[in-house]
């Protein structure tokens, strides 16, 4: 696939323009339990929160859009954004956008919807107490989370990105890239992203991919590690576990899908984003889409469509066996 469109579209436009169980529960791993106690543990409590390299963890279990998207590790909370109700959220540059021939390149319109407290998609993230609701996730289609940029939000060297998602679009949907996580600046290219990249001229066919900025300009300013073996046709609603690691010492960017290595880029230079927020569920929403249809406001670039849960960032490149363990725990295979 051609990943250059993922980075060129925003560049062209800019060129012209403690422990969760859940909260308050103790972790019971002994015996059969008494009364409301159960014997199950949680993926988040036994896996994510116990990792010494954990920097940020957004469970995305909130009940309504006015609740912050809580970061249980560092307090870098995000806000749920509905572009359809906040058209003035971003000051669009006062330029005449020069649109190339043809439709908007690989970015679909989105209605700006979000559903909170949906049934969790991480099977191993089971609550401790029987009288509490099951862990929740959000389901997005044009809405997203924005985490404001702060010092220490972005790992400066090695890192791991992690997310559980469920794809809710199908082969009949508008063919376009769908971003899970984005923290990039453009021209020069910096930061990182995790997304489903739309295959050129193959409607309904995608590859999971990871991307880092290397400080260059244009499409050459980003290094991409697409899945080499797994091409997904969107016909099922099974949860997918995604992990992207960057090892600074070896300059290696590696993509894992459901615990298995799927793509790798070597000699990959990483330059951290030092200005832009982090977005969950869209990419660079400060860039207006092209063309901007009459009556459509602020539809974000590359909106994800589906469920999202347990987004995490680590300040180290997790080893492959650790990532496989995370997948097993989250899948409920080996809790």
C-alpha atoms as a PDB file:
ATOM      1  CA  UNK A   1       0.000   0.000   0.000  1.00  0.00           C
ATOM      2  CA  UNK A   2       1.031   3.621  -0.400  1.00  0.00           C
ATOM      3  CA  UNK A   3       1.359   5.157   3.056  1.00  0.00           C
ATOM      4  CA  UNK A   4       2.462   8.482   1.549  1.00  0.00           C
ATOM      5  CA  UNK A   5      -1.170   9.601   1.276  1.00  0.00           C
ATOM      6  CA  UNK A   6      -1.522   9.331   5.045  1.00  0.00           C
ATOM      7  CA  UNK A   7       1.135  11.970   5.569  1.00  0.00           C
ATOM      8  CA  UNK A   8       0.821  13.978   2.374  1.00  0.00           C
ATOM      9  CA  UNK A   9      -2.838  14.963   2.823  1.00  0.00           C
ATOM     10  CA  UNK A  10      -2.274  16.959   6.037  1.00  0.00           C
ATOM     11  CA  UNK A  11       1.032  18.298   4.695  1.00  0.00           C
ATOM     12  CA  UNK A  12      -0.567  19.609   1.509  1.00  0.00           C
ATOM     13  CA  UNK A  13      -3.271  21.311   3.513  1.00  0.00           C
ATOM     14  CA  UNK A  14      -0.822  22.829   5.928  1.00  0.00           C
ATOM     15  CA  UNK A  15       1.407  23.917   3.138  1.00  0.00           C
ATOM     16  CA  UNK A  16      -1.405  26.064   1.832  1.00  0.00           C
ATOM     17  CA  UNK A  17      -2.749  26.675   5.336  1.00  0.00           C
ATOM     18  CA  UNK A  18      -3.433   3.570  41.808  1.00  0.00           C
ATOM     19  CA  UNK A  19      -4.537   0.073  40.541  1.00  0.00           C
ATOM     20  CA  UNK A  20      -7.713  -0.401  38.620  1.00  0.00           C
ATOM     21  CA  UNK A  21     -10.087  -3.219  39.530  1.00  0.00           C
ATOM     22  CA  UNK A  22     -12.195  -0.988  39.164  1.00  0.00           C
ATOM     23  CA  UNK A  23     -11.580   1.901  41.538  1.00  0.00           C
ATOM     24  CA  UNK A  24     -11.965   0.997  45.181  1.00  0.00           C
ATOM     25  CA  UNK A  25     -11.837  -2.782  44.840  1.00  0.00           C
ATOM     26  CA  UNK A  26      -9.239  -5.035  46.319  1.00  0.00           C
ATOM     27  CA  UNK A  27      -7.684  -7.690  44.128  1.00  0.00           C
ATOM     28  CA  UNK A  28      -8.814 -11.157  45.168  1.00  0.00           C
ATOM     29  CA  UNK A  29      -6.914 -13.992  43.541  1.00  0.00           C
ATOM     30  CA  UNK A  30      -7.403 -16.596  46.278  1.00  0.00           C
ATOM     31  CA  UNK A  31     -10.084 -19.263  46.570  1.00  0.00           C
ATOM     32  CA  UNK A  32     -13.615 -19.149  45.280  1.00  0.00           C
ATOM     33  CA  UNK A  33     -14.653 -15.952  46.978  1.00  0.00           C
ATOM     34  CA  UNK A  34     -17.431 -15.314  49.448  1.00  0.00           C
ATOM     35  CA  UNK A  35     -20.635 -13.384  48.947  1.00  0.00           C
ATOM     36  CA  UNK A  36     -20.138 -10.837  46.157  1.00  0.00           C
ATOM     37  CA  UNK A  37     -16.425 -11.678  45.767  1.00  0.00           C
ATOM     38  CA  UNK A  38     -15.325 -13.565  42.674  1.00  0.00           C
ATOM     39  CA  UNK A  39     -12.108 -15.356  41.823  1.00  0.00           C
ATOM     40  CA  UNK A  40     -11.286 -13.414  38.670  1.00  0.00           C
ATOM     41  CA  UNK A  41      -8.575 -10.788  38.348  1.00  0.00           C
ATOM     42  CA  UNK A  42      -8.340  -7.985  35.842  1.00  0.00           C
ATOM     43  CA  UNK A  43      -6.139  -7.538  32.809  1.00  0.00           C
ATOM     44  CA  UNK A  44      -5.550  -3.927  33.763  1.00  0.00           C
ATOM     45  CA  UNK A  45      -4.795  -4.675  37.405  1.00  0.00           C
ATOM     46  CA  UNK A  46      -2.469  -7.603  36.838  1.00  0.00           C
ATOM     47  CA  UNK A  47      -0.811  -6.609  33.573  1.00  0.00           C
ATOM     48  CA  UNK A  48      -0.934  -2.933  32.558  1.00  0.00           C
ATOM     49  CA  UNK A  49      -0.697  -1.222  35.919  1.00  0.00           C
ATOM     50  CA  UNK A  50       2.028  -3.521  37.234  1.00  0.00           C
ATOM     51  CA  UNK A  51       4.439  -2.851  34.376  1.00  0.00           C
ATOM     52  CA  UNK A  52       7.282  -0.602  35.618  1.00  0.00           C
ATOM     53  CA  UNK A  53       7.470   1.200  32.264  1.00  0.00           C
ATOM     54  CA  UNK A  54       3.815   2.307  32.198  1.00  0.00           C
ATOM     55  CA  UNK A  55       3.517   6.071  31.534  1.00  0.00           C
ATOM     56  CA  UNK A  56      -0.130   6.623  30.626  1.00  0.00           C
ATOM     57  CA  UNK A  57      -3.273   4.511  30.760  1.00  0.00           C
ATOM     58  CA  UNK A  58      -6.679   5.607  29.495  1.00  0.00           C
ATOM     59  CA  UNK A  59      -9.265   2.829  30.170  1.00  0.00           C
ATOM     60  CA  UNK A  60     -11.971   4.830  28.312  1.00  0.00           C
ATOM     61  CA  UNK A  61     -14.608   3.628  30.766  1.00  0.00           C
ATOM     62  CA  UNK A  62     -16.350   6.989  31.264  1.00  0.00           C
ATOM     63  CA  UNK A  63     -20.126   7.344  31.441  1.00  0.00           C
ATOM     64  CA  UNK A  64     -20.677  10.635  29.569  1.00  0.00           C
ATOM     65  CA  UNK A  65     -18.920  13.192  27.404  1.00  0.00           C
ATOM     66  CA  UNK A  66     -18.524  15.714  30.205  1.00  0.00           C
ATOM     67  CA  UNK A  67     -16.378  13.253  32.158  1.00  0.00           C
ATOM     68  CA  UNK A  68     -12.651  13.536  31.496  1.00  0.00           C
ATOM     69  CA  UNK A  69     -10.952  10.623  29.767  1.00  0.00           C
ATOM     70  CA  UNK A  70      -8.957   9.663  32.837  1.00  0.00           C
ATOM     71  CA  UNK A  71      -5.263   8.796  32.698  1.00  0.00           C
ATOM     72  CA  UNK A  72      -4.890   6.550  35.744  1.00  0.00           C
ATOM     73  CA  UNK A  73      -1.089   6.774  35.774  1.00  0.00           C
ATOM     74  CA  UNK A  74      -0.003  10.391  35.334  1.00  0.00           C
ATOM     75  CA  UNK A  75      -3.219  12.395  35.432  1.00  0.00           C
ATOM     76  CA  UNK A  76      -2.850  13.556  31.813  1.00  0.00           C
ATOM     77  CA  UNK A  77      -6.596  13.433  31.319  1.00  0.00           C
ATOM     78  CA  UNK A  78      -8.200  13.971  27.943  1.00  0.00           C
ATOM     79  CA  UNK A  79     -11.465  15.498  26.782  1.00  0.00           C
ATOM     80  CA  UNK A  80     -14.123  13.860  24.636  1.00  0.00           C
ATOM     81  CA  UNK A  81     -14.598  15.975  21.503  1.00  0.00           C
ATOM     82  CA  UNK A  82     -17.696  16.031  19.308  1.00  0.00           C
ATOM     83  CA  UNK A  83     -16.747  18.136  16.269  1.00  0.00           C
ATOM     84  CA  UNK A  84     -20.352  18.401  15.125  1.00  0.00           C
ATOM     85  CA  UNK A  85     -21.220  20.427  18.238  1.00  0.00           C
ATOM     86  CA  UNK A  86     -17.964  22.370  18.473  1.00  0.00           C
ATOM     87  CA  UNK A  87     -17.341  23.841  14.996  1.00  0.00           C
ATOM     88  CA  UNK A  88     -15.186  26.625  16.434  1.00  0.00           C
ATOM     89  CA  UNK A  89     -12.999  24.286  18.436  1.00  0.00           C
ATOM     90  CA  UNK A  90     -10.050  24.833  16.101  1.00  0.00           C
ATOM     91  CA  UNK A  91      -9.233  28.100  14.318  1.00  0.00           C
ATOM     92  CA  UNK A  92      -9.071  27.011  10.690  1.00  0.00           C
ATOM     93  CA  UNK A  93      -6.325  28.810   8.751  1.00  0.00           C
ATOM     94  CA  UNK A  94      -7.706  31.598   6.582  1.00  0.00           C
ATOM     95  CA  UNK A  95      -6.478  30.105   3.330  1.00  0.00           C
ATOM     96  CA  UNK A  96      -8.210  29.102   0.140  1.00  0.00           C
ATOM     97  CA  UNK A  97      -7.757  25.344   0.101  1.00  0.00           C
ATOM     98  CA  UNK A  98      -6.465  24.073  -3.218  1.00  0.00           C
ATOM     99  CA  UNK A  99      -8.118  20.707  -3.644  1.00  0.00           C
ATOM    100  CA  UNK A 100      -6.624  18.161  -6.037  1.00  0.00           C
ATOM    101  CA  UNK A 101      -8.871  16.405  -8.534  1.00  0.00           C
ATOM    102  CA  UNK A 102     -11.028  13.593  -7.228  1.00  0.00           C
ATOM    103  CA  UNK A 103     -12.605  12.873  -3.848  1.00  0.00           C
ATOM    104  CA  UNK A 104     -11.097  13.503  -0.445  1.00  0.00           C
ATOM    105  CA  UNK A 105      -8.084  11.184  -0.355  1.00  0.00           C
ATOM    106  CA  UNK A 106      -8.576   8.201   1.959  1.00  0.00           C
ATOM    107  CA  UNK A 107     -10.453  10.077   4.695  1.00  0.00           C
ATOM    108  CA  UNK A 108     -14.131   9.330   5.254  1.00  0.00           C
ATOM    109  CA  UNK A 109     -16.887  11.606   6.496  1.00  0.00           C
ATOM    110  CA  UNK A 110     -18.087  10.845  10.014  1.00  0.00           C
ATOM    111  CA  UNK A 111     -21.321  11.847  11.738  1.00  0.00           C
ATOM    112  CA  UNK A 112     -19.689  12.695  15.063  1.00  0.00           C
ATOM    113  CA  UNK A 113     -21.210  10.041  17.319  1.00  0.00           C
ATOM    114  CA  UNK A 114     -19.980   8.376  20.490  1.00  0.00           C
ATOM    115  CA  UNK A 115     -21.520   5.792  22.830  1.00  0.00           C
ATOM    116  CA  UNK A 116     -20.236   5.582  26.397  1.00  0.00           C
ATOM    117  CA  UNK A 117     -20.101   2.710  28.892  1.00  0.00           C
ATOM    118  CA  UNK A 118     -20.538   0.052  26.232  1.00  0.00           C
ATOM    119  CA  UNK A 119     -19.787  -3.598  27.095  1.00  0.00           C
ATOM    120  CA  UNK A 120     -16.035  -4.034  27.384  1.00  0.00           C
ATOM    121  CA  UNK A 121     -14.156  -5.666  24.520  1.00  0.00           C
ATOM    122  CA  UNK A 122     -11.204  -6.881  26.637  1.00  0.00           C
ATOM    123  CA  UNK A 123     -12.359 -10.307  27.747  1.00  0.00           C
ATOM    124  CA  UNK A 124      -9.690 -10.631  30.444  1.00  0.00           C
ATOM    125  CA  UNK A 125     -10.619  -7.323  32.068  1.00  0.00           C
ATOM    126  CA  UNK A 126     -13.245  -8.760  34.405  1.00  0.00           C
ATOM    127  CA  UNK A 127     -14.444  -6.854  37.450  1.00  0.00           C
ATOM    128  CA  UNK A 128     -13.675  -8.060  40.953  1.00  0.00           C
ATOM    129  CA  UNK A 129     -17.148  -7.651  42.456  1.00  0.00           C
ATOM    130  CA  UNK A 130     -20.194  -9.384  41.055  1.00  0.00           C
ATOM    131  CA  UNK A 131     -22.459  -6.430  41.880  1.00  0.00           C
ATOM    132  CA  UNK A 132     -20.473  -3.990  39.727  1.00  0.00           C
ATOM    133  CA  UNK A 133     -20.947  -3.490  35.984  1.00  0.00           C
ATOM    134  CA  UNK A 134     -18.526  -5.081  33.581  1.00  0.00           C
ATOM    135  CA  UNK A 135     -15.647  -2.934  32.327  1.00  0.00           C
ATOM    136  CA  UNK A 136     -16.768  -0.454  29.721  1.00  0.00           C
ATOM    137  CA  UNK A 137     -15.419   0.942  26.469  1.00  0.00           C
ATOM    138  CA  UNK A 138     -16.398   3.769  24.109  1.00  0.00           C
ATOM    139  CA  UNK A 139     -17.645   3.364  20.547  1.00  0.00           C
ATOM    140  CA  UNK A 140     -16.699   6.246  18.254  1.00  0.00           C
ATOM    141  CA  UNK A 141     -17.536   7.449  14.762  1.00  0.00           C
ATOM    142  CA  UNK A 142     -16.110  10.905  14.263  1.00  0.00           C
ATOM    143  CA  UNK A 143     -15.776  11.779  17.947  1.00  0.00           C
ATOM    144  CA  UNK A 144     -12.417  11.404  19.635  1.00  0.00           C
ATOM    145  CA  UNK A 145     -10.345  12.089  22.743  1.00  0.00           C
ATOM    146  CA  UNK A 146      -7.875  14.956  22.885  1.00  0.00           C
ATOM    147  CA  UNK A 147      -5.105  14.937  25.508  1.00  0.00           C
ATOM    148  CA  UNK A 148      -3.412  18.359  25.715  1.00  0.00           C
ATOM    149  CA  UNK A 149       0.324  18.445  25.184  1.00  0.00           C
ATOM    150  CA  UNK A 150       2.360  18.613  28.383  1.00  0.00           C
ATOM    151  CA  UNK A 151       5.950  17.932  29.279  1.00  0.00           C
ATOM    152  CA  UNK A 152       6.463  14.203  29.812  1.00  0.00           C
ATOM    153  CA  UNK A 153       3.328  13.321  27.855  1.00  0.00           C
ATOM    154  CA  UNK A 154       5.412  11.855  25.035  1.00  0.00           C
ATOM    155  CA  UNK A 155       8.235   9.336  25.619  1.00  0.00           C
ATOM    156  CA  UNK A 156      11.511  10.885  24.389  1.00  0.00           C
ATOM    157  CA  UNK A 157      13.243   7.694  23.222  1.00  0.00           C
ATOM    158  CA  UNK A 158      12.019   4.081  23.365  1.00  0.00           C
ATOM    159  CA  UNK A 159       8.286   3.470  23.760  1.00  0.00           C
ATOM    160  CA  UNK A 160       5.349   1.096  23.338  1.00  0.00           C
ATOM    161  CA  UNK A 161       1.837   2.068  22.236  1.00  0.00           C
ATOM    162  CA  UNK A 162      -0.981  -0.299  23.123  1.00  0.00           C
ATOM    163  CA  UNK A 163      -4.730  -0.408  22.439  1.00  0.00           C
ATOM    164  CA  UNK A 164      -7.656  -2.799  22.200  1.00  0.00           C
ATOM    165  CA  UNK A 165     -10.104  -2.012  19.411  1.00  0.00           C
ATOM    166  CA  UNK A 166     -13.062  -3.493  17.594  1.00  0.00           C
ATOM    167  CA  UNK A 167     -13.661  -2.603  13.951  1.00  0.00           C
ATOM    168  CA  UNK A 168     -17.264  -1.540  13.280  1.00  0.00           C
ATOM    169  CA  UNK A 169     -17.012  -0.506   9.632  1.00  0.00           C
ATOM    170  CA  UNK A 170     -17.311  -2.944   6.776  1.00  0.00           C
ATOM    171  CA  UNK A 171     -16.298  -3.330   3.161  1.00  0.00           C
ATOM    172  CA  UNK A 172     -19.174  -1.113   2.048  1.00  0.00           C
ATOM    173  CA  UNK A 173     -17.991   1.865   4.096  1.00  0.00           C
ATOM    174  CA  UNK A 174     -16.093   4.722   2.496  1.00  0.00           C
ATOM    175  CA  UNK A 175     -12.537   3.556   1.953  1.00  0.00           C
ATOM    176  CA  UNK A 176     -10.236   5.555   4.201  1.00  0.00           C
ATOM    177  CA  UNK A 177      -7.497   5.395   6.808  1.00  0.00           C
ATOM    178  CA  UNK A 178      -8.740   4.918  10.391  1.00  0.00           C
ATOM    179  CA  UNK A 179      -6.525   6.203  13.205  1.00  0.00           C
ATOM    180  CA  UNK A 180      -6.482   4.652  16.661  1.00  0.00           C
ATOM    181  CA  UNK A 181      -3.812   6.877  18.193  1.00  0.00           C
ATOM    182  CA  UNK A 182      -2.055   9.951  16.803  1.00  0.00           C
ATOM    183  CA  UNK A 183       0.534  12.281  18.293  1.00  0.00           C
ATOM    184  CA  UNK A 184       2.294  13.828  15.315  1.00  0.00           C
ATOM    185  CA  UNK A 185       3.380  17.214  14.103  1.00  0.00           C
ATOM    186  CA  UNK A 186       3.815  17.807  10.404  1.00  0.00           C
ATOM    187  CA  UNK A 187       6.555  19.295   8.231  1.00  0.00           C
ATOM    188  CA  UNK A 188       8.917  18.420   9.766  1.00  0.00           C
ATOM    189  CA  UNK A 189       7.463  15.065  10.701  1.00  0.00           C
ATOM    190  CA  UNK A 190       7.608  14.183  14.396  1.00  0.00           C
ATOM    191  CA  UNK A 191       5.767  11.912  16.829  1.00  0.00           C
ATOM    192  CA  UNK A 192       3.953   8.608  16.323  1.00  0.00           C
ATOM    193  CA  UNK A 193       0.676   7.067  15.172  1.00  0.00           C
ATOM    194  CA  UNK A 194      -1.154   3.733  15.203  1.00  0.00           C
ATOM    195  CA  UNK A 195      -3.833   3.134  12.573  1.00  0.00           C
ATOM    196  CA  UNK A 196      -5.579   0.961   9.993  1.00  0.00           C
ATOM    197  CA  UNK A 197      -4.204   1.957   6.609  1.00  0.00           C
ATOM    198  CA  UNK A 198      -6.526   1.663   3.613  1.00  0.00           C
ATOM    199  CA  UNK A 199      -5.075  -0.367   0.756  1.00  0.00           C
ATOM    200  CA  UNK A 200      -4.864   1.647  -2.453  1.00  0.00           C
ATOM    201  CA  UNK A 201      -7.448   0.591  -5.040  1.00  0.00           C
ATOM    202  CA  UNK A 202      -8.669  -2.287  -2.841  1.00  0.00           C
ATOM    203  CA  UNK A 203     -11.904  -1.107  -1.210  1.00  0.00           C
ATOM    204  CA  UNK A 204     -12.585  -2.847   2.076  1.00  0.00           C
ATOM    205  CA  UNK A 205      -9.020  -4.064   2.533  1.00  0.00           C
ATOM    206  CA  UNK A 206      -6.757  -2.575   5.223  1.00  0.00           C
ATOM    207  CA  UNK A 207      -3.465  -3.165   6.982  1.00  0.00           C
ATOM    208  CA  UNK A 208      -2.747  -2.241  10.582  1.00  0.00           C
ATOM    209  CA  UNK A 209       0.277   0.052  10.694  1.00  0.00           C
ATOM    210  CA  UNK A 210       2.496   2.131  12.956  1.00  0.00           C
ATOM    211  CA  UNK A 211       4.306   5.337  12.064  1.00  0.00           C
ATOM    212  CA  UNK A 212       6.997   7.578  13.570  1.00  0.00           C
ATOM    213  CA  UNK A 213       8.293  10.979  12.515  1.00  0.00           C
ATOM    214  CA  UNK A 214      11.985  11.219  11.675  1.00  0.00           C
ATOM    215  CA  UNK A 215      12.295  14.993  11.406  1.00  0.00           C
ATOM    216  CA  UNK A 216      12.167  15.123   7.592  1.00  0.00           C
ATOM    217  CA  UNK A 217       9.783  16.909   5.271  1.00  0.00           C
ATOM    218  CA  UNK A 218       6.796  15.599   3.348  1.00  0.00           C
ATOM    219  CA  UNK A 219       6.112  11.883   3.138  1.00  0.00           C
ATOM    220  CA  UNK A 220       9.826  11.234   3.693  1.00  0.00           C
ATOM    221  CA  UNK A 221       9.446  12.711   7.180  1.00  0.00           C
ATOM    222  CA  UNK A 222       7.698   9.555   8.433  1.00  0.00           C
ATOM    223  CA  UNK A 223       8.748   5.921   8.747  1.00  0.00           C
ATOM    224  CA  UNK A 224       5.934   3.365   8.499  1.00  0.00           C
ATOM    225  CA  UNK A 225       5.787  -0.251   9.694  1.00  0.00           C
ATOM    226  CA  UNK A 226       2.704  -1.823   8.060  1.00  0.00           C
ATOM    227  CA  UNK A 227       1.554  -5.334   8.784  1.00  0.00           C
ATOM    228  CA  UNK A 228       3.369  -7.591   6.366  1.00  0.00           C
ATOM    229  CA  UNK A 229       1.314 -10.756   6.786  1.00  0.00           C
ATOM    230  CA  UNK A 230      -2.125  -9.750   8.026  1.00  0.00           C
ATOM    231  CA  UNK A 231      -4.443  -7.999   5.632  1.00  0.00           C
ATOM    232  CA  UNK A 232      -7.793  -7.501   7.292  1.00  0.00           C
ATOM    233  CA  UNK A 233     -11.088  -7.576   5.478  1.00  0.00           C
ATOM    234  CA  UNK A 234     -13.610  -6.074   7.794  1.00  0.00           C
ATOM    235  CA  UNK A 235     -16.186  -8.787   8.211  1.00  0.00           C
ATOM    236  CA  UNK A 236     -16.031  -9.684  11.905  1.00  0.00           C
ATOM    237  CA  UNK A 237     -16.458  -7.893  15.199  1.00  0.00           C
ATOM    238  CA  UNK A 238     -13.674  -9.631  17.133  1.00  0.00           C
ATOM    239  CA  UNK A 239     -11.510  -7.451  19.406  1.00  0.00           C
ATOM    240  CA  UNK A 240      -8.006  -6.725  18.137  1.00  0.00           C
ATOM    241  CA  UNK A 241      -4.974  -6.110  20.334  1.00  0.00           C
ATOM    242  CA  UNK A 242      -2.460  -3.652  18.840  1.00  0.00           C
ATOM    243  CA  UNK A 243       1.042  -2.837  20.077  1.00  0.00           C
ATOM    244  CA  UNK A 244       3.720  -0.675  18.456  1.00  0.00           C
ATOM    245  CA  UNK A 245       7.236  -0.669  19.911  1.00  0.00           C
ATOM    246  CA  UNK A 246      10.227   1.522  19.173  1.00  0.00           C
ATOM    247  CA  UNK A 247      13.662   0.466  20.434  1.00  0.00           C
ATOM    248  CA  UNK A 248      15.964   3.497  20.335  1.00  0.00           C
ATOM    249  CA  UNK A 249      19.237   1.599  20.657  1.00  0.00           C
ATOM    250  CA  UNK A 250      18.562  -0.513  17.554  1.00  0.00           C
ATOM    251  CA  UNK A 251      16.352   2.092  15.820  1.00  0.00           C
ATOM    252  CA  UNK A 252      13.705  -0.572  15.259  1.00  0.00           C
ATOM    253  CA  UNK A 253       9.972   0.061  14.882  1.00  0.00           C
ATOM    254  CA  UNK A 254       7.860  -3.101  15.316  1.00  0.00           C
ATOM    255  CA  UNK A 255       4.127  -3.663  14.948  1.00  0.00           C
ATOM    256  CA  UNK A 256       2.301  -6.472  16.785  1.00  0.00           C
ATOM    257  CA  UNK A 257      -1.262  -7.595  16.060  1.00  0.00           C
ATOM    258  CA  UNK A 258      -2.885  -9.957  18.579  1.00  0.00           C
ATOM    259  CA  UNK A 259       0.505 -10.581  20.164  1.00  0.00           C
ATOM    260  CA  UNK A 260       2.242 -11.582  16.927  1.00  0.00           C
ATOM    261  CA  UNK A 261       4.859  -9.498  15.125  1.00  0.00           C
ATOM    262  CA  UNK A 262       3.415  -8.314  11.814  1.00  0.00           C
ATOM    263  CA  UNK A 263       5.678  -5.513  10.583  1.00  0.00           C
ATOM    264  CA  UNK A 264       9.111  -4.068  11.230  1.00  0.00           C
ATOM    265  CA  UNK A 265      11.125  -1.049  10.082  1.00  0.00           C
ATOM    266  CA  UNK A 266      14.854  -0.812  10.824  1.00  0.00           C
ATOM    267  CA  UNK A 267      17.189   2.200  10.781  1.00  0.00           C
ATOM    268  CA  UNK A 268      14.120   4.115  11.959  1.00  0.00           C
ATOM    269  CA  UNK A 269      14.905   7.503  13.495  1.00  0.00           C
ATOM    270  CA  UNK A 270      12.332   8.826  15.980  1.00  0.00           C
ATOM    271  CA  UNK A 271      11.876  12.536  16.707  1.00  0.00           C
ATOM    272  CA  UNK A 272       9.248  13.119  19.439  1.00  0.00           C
ATOM    273  CA  UNK A 273       6.356  15.494  18.910  1.00  0.00           C
ATOM    274  CA  UNK A 274       6.914  18.497  21.162  1.00  0.00           C
ATOM    275  CA  UNK A 275       3.876  20.656  20.394  1.00  0.00           C
ATOM    276  CA  UNK A 276       0.708  18.822  19.351  1.00  0.00           C
ATOM    277  CA  UNK A 277      -1.832  17.051  21.591  1.00  0.00           C
ATOM    278  CA  UNK A 278      -2.408  13.322  21.560  1.00  0.00           C
ATOM    279  CA  UNK A 279      -5.603  12.102  19.906  1.00  0.00           C
ATOM    280  CA  UNK A 280      -7.426   8.820  20.399  1.00  0.00           C
ATOM    281  CA  UNK A 281      -9.847   7.924  17.610  1.00  0.00           C
ATOM    282  CA  UNK A 282      -8.805  10.435  14.922  1.00  0.00           C
ATOM    283  CA  UNK A 283      -5.744  12.024  13.352  1.00  0.00           C
ATOM    284  CA  UNK A 284      -4.640  15.658  13.297  1.00  0.00           C
ATOM    285  CA  UNK A 285      -8.167  17.046  13.691  1.00  0.00           C
ATOM    286  CA  UNK A 286      -6.784  20.584  13.628  1.00  0.00           C
ATOM    287  CA  UNK A 287      -6.408  20.146   9.862  1.00  0.00           C
ATOM    288  CA  UNK A 288      -9.710  20.718   8.010  1.00  0.00           C
ATOM    289  CA  UNK A 289     -10.789  18.070   5.542  1.00  0.00           C
ATOM    290  CA  UNK A 290     -10.818  18.750   1.846  1.00  0.00           C
ATOM    291  CA  UNK A 291     -13.166  19.508   0.350  1.00  0.00           C
ATOM    292  CA  UNK A 292     -15.232  20.877   3.229  1.00  0.00           C
ATOM    293  CA  UNK A 293     -18.802  20.049   2.160  1.00  0.00           C
ATOM    294  CA  UNK A 294     -21.473  22.672   2.666  1.00  0.00           C
ATOM    295  CA  UNK A 295     -23.080  22.214   6.060  1.00  0.00           C
ATOM    296  CA  UNK A 296     -20.417  19.766   7.270  1.00  0.00           C
ATOM    297  CA  UNK A 297     -18.169  21.177   9.948  1.00  0.00           C
ATOM    298  CA  UNK A 298     -14.919  19.965  11.415  1.00  0.00           C
ATOM    299  CA  UNK A 299     -15.160  16.314  10.423  1.00  0.00           C
ATOM    300  CA  UNK A 300     -11.785  15.032  11.637  1.00  0.00           C
ATOM    301  CA  UNK A 301      -9.222  13.407   9.418  1.00  0.00           C
ATOM    302  CA  UNK A 302      -9.122   9.609   9.357  1.00  0.00           C
ATOM    303  CA  UNK A 303     -11.805   8.910  12.013  1.00  0.00           C
ATOM    304  CA  UNK A 304     -11.808   5.492  13.634  1.00  0.00           C
ATOM    305  CA  UNK A 305     -15.150   3.693  13.617  1.00  0.00           C
ATOM    306  CA  UNK A 306     -15.611   1.152  16.379  1.00  0.00           C
ATOM    307  CA  UNK A 307     -14.909   0.323  20.000  1.00  0.00           C
ATOM    308  CA  UNK A 308     -11.790   1.412  21.892  1.00  0.00           C
ATOM    309  CA  UNK A 309     -10.533   0.399  25.332  1.00  0.00           C
ATOM    310  CA  UNK A 310      -7.381   0.255  27.479  1.00  0.00           C
ATOM    311  CA  UNK A 311      -5.090   2.627  25.580  1.00  0.00           C
ATOM    312  CA  UNK A 312      -1.622   2.725  27.136  1.00  0.00           C
ATOM    313  CA  UNK A 313       1.834   4.203  26.542  1.00  0.00           C
ATOM    314  CA  UNK A 314       5.014   2.753  28.015  1.00  0.00           C
ATOM    315  CA  UNK A 315       8.460   4.382  28.262  1.00  0.00           C
ATOM    316  CA  UNK A 316      10.208   1.267  26.949  1.00  0.00           C
ATOM    317  CA  UNK A 317       9.976  -1.107  24.006  1.00  0.00           C
ATOM    318  CA  UNK A 318       8.208  -4.088  25.564  1.00  0.00           C
ATOM    319  CA  UNK A 319       9.702  -7.447  24.623  1.00  0.00           C
ATOM    320  CA  UNK A 320       7.774  -9.770  22.329  1.00  0.00           C
ATOM    321  CA  UNK A 321       7.072 -12.278  25.110  1.00  0.00           C
ATOM    322  CA  UNK A 322       5.642  -9.508  27.300  1.00  0.00           C
ATOM    323  CA  UNK A 323       3.392  -8.334  24.484  1.00  0.00           C
ATOM    324  CA  UNK A 324       2.175 -11.884  23.921  1.00  0.00           C
ATOM    325  CA  UNK A 325       1.425 -12.151  27.649  1.00  0.00           C
ATOM    326  CA  UNK A 326      -0.589  -8.925  27.474  1.00  0.00           C
ATOM    327  CA  UNK A 327      -2.595 -10.373  24.594  1.00  0.00           C
ATOM    328  CA  UNK A 328      -3.231 -13.621  26.464  1.00  0.00           C
ATOM    329  CA  UNK A 329      -4.280 -11.852  29.654  1.00  0.00           C
ATOM    330  CA  UNK A 330      -6.531  -9.415  27.832  1.00  0.00           C
ATOM    331  CA  UNK A 331      -8.089 -12.215  25.798  1.00  0.00           C
ATOM    332  CA  UNK A 332      -8.842 -14.175  28.967  1.00  0.00           C
ATOM    333  CA  UNK A 333      -6.704 -17.103  27.769  1.00  0.00           C
ATOM    334  CA  UNK A 334      -4.329 -16.902  30.721  1.00  0.00           C
ATOM    335  CA  UNK A 335      -5.631 -14.483  33.372  1.00  0.00           C
END
